[in-house]
Amino acid sequence: MVKNQRIEEIKRELMNLNQNEENQRLIDFRERELRDMIDLYETGKDEGRKIGIAEARKEARKTIITNLLKMKIPIDKIIEVTNASKEEIEKIKKRNYNKEV
C-alpha cells in the first residue's frame, strides 16, 4: 500500500511537472507572439513616418517648382535646381495653369 501511495505521489508530481512545462511553453509562445506584435507595430509606425516624410518632400518639391514657374524661371534651370524631370515640371505647369500660374 505504501508503495502504491508513493507511485501515486510520483505520478502527481510528474503531472504537475508536465503541466508546468506545458504552461511554460504556452507562456514562451505568448511572449514571442507579443514581441512579434510589438515589432510589427513599431515597423508599421516607422514605415508610416517614412511615407509621411516622403509625401511631405514631394509636396514641398511641387511647391518649389510651382513658385519657380511663377517667377518665370526657365524649365532647364528648374531641372538643374530641383533634379525634377522635364515631364514632371510640365505636368505641374499644366496643372497650375489650369488653376492660375
Protein backbone atom coordinates (compact mmCIF):
# COMPACT_ATOMS: atom_id res chain seq x y z
CA MET A 1 0.00 0.00 0.00
CA VAL A 2 2.79 2.43 0.86
CA LYS A 3 4.42 1.58 -2.44
CA ASN A 4 1.21 2.42 -4.32
CA GLN A 5 0.92 5.73 -2.49
CA ARG A 6 4.46 6.61 -3.46
CA ILE A 7 3.69 5.74 -7.08
CA GLU A 8 0.61 7.95 -6.98
CA GLU A 9 2.63 10.80 -5.49
CA ILE A 10 5.24 10.46 -8.21
CA LYS A 11 2.51 10.38 -10.85
CA ARG A 12 1.02 13.59 -9.44
CA GLU A 13 4.42 15.25 -9.35
CA LEU A 14 5.03 14.24 -12.96
CA MET A 15 1.60 15.55 -13.96
CA ASN A 16 2.35 18.86 -12.23
CA LEU A 17 5.76 18.99 -13.85
CA ASN A 18 4.25 18.31 -17.27
CA GLN A 19 1.60 20.93 -16.70
CA ASN A 20 4.24 23.41 -15.63
CA GLU A 21 6.32 22.63 -18.71
CA GLU A 22 3.24 22.99 -20.90
CA ASN A 23 2.37 26.24 -19.14
CA GLN A 24 5.92 27.44 -19.63
CA ARG A 25 5.76 26.60 -23.34
CA LEU A 26 2.48 28.49 -23.58
CA ILE A 27 3.98 31.46 -21.73
CA ASP A 28 7.02 31.41 -24.03
CA PHE A 29 4.76 31.26 -27.06
CA ARG A 30 2.66 34.17 -25.81
CA GLU A 31 5.78 36.22 -25.05
CA ARG A 32 7.12 35.63 -28.57
CA GLU A 33 3.73 36.49 -30.03
CA LEU A 34 3.61 39.72 -28.03
CA ARG A 35 7.18 40.65 -29.05
CA ASP A 36 6.30 39.99 -32.70
CA MET A 37 3.22 42.17 -32.41
CA ILE A 38 5.25 44.98 -30.84
CA ASP A 39 7.89 44.68 -33.58
CA LEU A 40 5.19 44.75 -36.23
CA TYR A 41 3.61 47.82 -34.64
CA GLU A 42 6.95 49.62 -34.40
CA THR A 43 7.81 48.71 -38.00
CA GLY A 44 4.43 49.99 -39.14
CA LYS A 45 4.95 53.20 -37.21
CA ASP A 46 8.37 53.67 -38.80
CA GLU A 47 7.01 52.91 -42.26
CA GLY A 48 4.17 55.37 -41.73
CA ARG A 49 6.65 58.01 -40.67
CA LYS A 50 8.83 57.34 -43.74
CA ILE A 51 5.82 57.53 -46.05
CA GLY A 52 4.71 60.77 -44.41
CA ILE A 53 8.16 62.30 -44.83
CA ALA A 54 8.34 61.19 -48.47
CA GLU A 55 4.92 62.69 -49.18
CA ALA A 56 5.90 65.94 -47.48
CA ARG A 57 9.04 66.11 -49.61
CA LYS A 58 7.03 65.54 -52.79
CA GLU A 59 4.62 68.31 -51.85
CA ALA A 60 7.47 70.67 -50.96
CA ARG A 61 9.14 69.92 -54.30
CA LYS A 62 5.88 70.62 -56.16
CA THR A 63 5.52 73.92 -54.30
CA ILE A 64 9.09 74.93 -55.13
CA ILE A 65 8.58 74.06 -58.80
CA THR A 66 5.29 75.98 -58.85
CA ASN A 67 6.95 79.03 -57.31
CA LEU A 68 9.84 78.87 -59.77
CA LEU A 69 7.37 78.65 -62.65
CA LYS A 70 5.51 81.69 -61.29
CA MET A 71 8.83 83.54 -61.24
CA LYS A 72 9.18 82.68 -64.96
CA ILE A 73 12.38 80.69 -64.34
CA PRO A 74 13.27 78.66 -67.45
CA ILE A 75 12.48 74.95 -67.23
CA ASP A 76 16.11 73.94 -67.77
CA LYS A 77 17.09 75.98 -64.69
CA ILE A 78 14.25 74.42 -62.66
CA ILE A 79 15.52 70.97 -63.69
CA GLU A 80 19.02 71.97 -62.58
CA VAL A 81 17.82 73.25 -59.20
CA THR A 82 15.27 70.56 -58.33
CA ASN A 83 16.54 67.48 -60.23
CA ALA A 84 12.96 67.07 -61.44
CA SER A 85 12.31 65.65 -64.87
CA LYS A 86 11.04 67.87 -67.65
CA GLU A 87 7.87 65.76 -67.73
CA GLU A 88 7.25 66.34 -64.03
CA ILE A 89 7.70 70.07 -64.41
CA GLU A 90 5.43 70.18 -67.46
CA LYS A 91 2.79 68.25 -65.56
CA ILE A 92 2.95 70.71 -62.63
CA LYS A 93 2.94 73.64 -65.05
CA LYS A 94 -0.12 72.29 -66.85
CA ARG A 95 -1.95 71.61 -63.60
CA ASN A 96 -1.18 75.09 -62.28
CA TYR A 97 -2.01 76.89 -65.49
CA ASN A 98 -5.41 75.31 -65.29
CA LYS A 99 -5.66 76.90 -61.85
CA GLU A 100 -3.82 80.17 -62.31
CA VAL A 101 0.04 80.26 -62.60
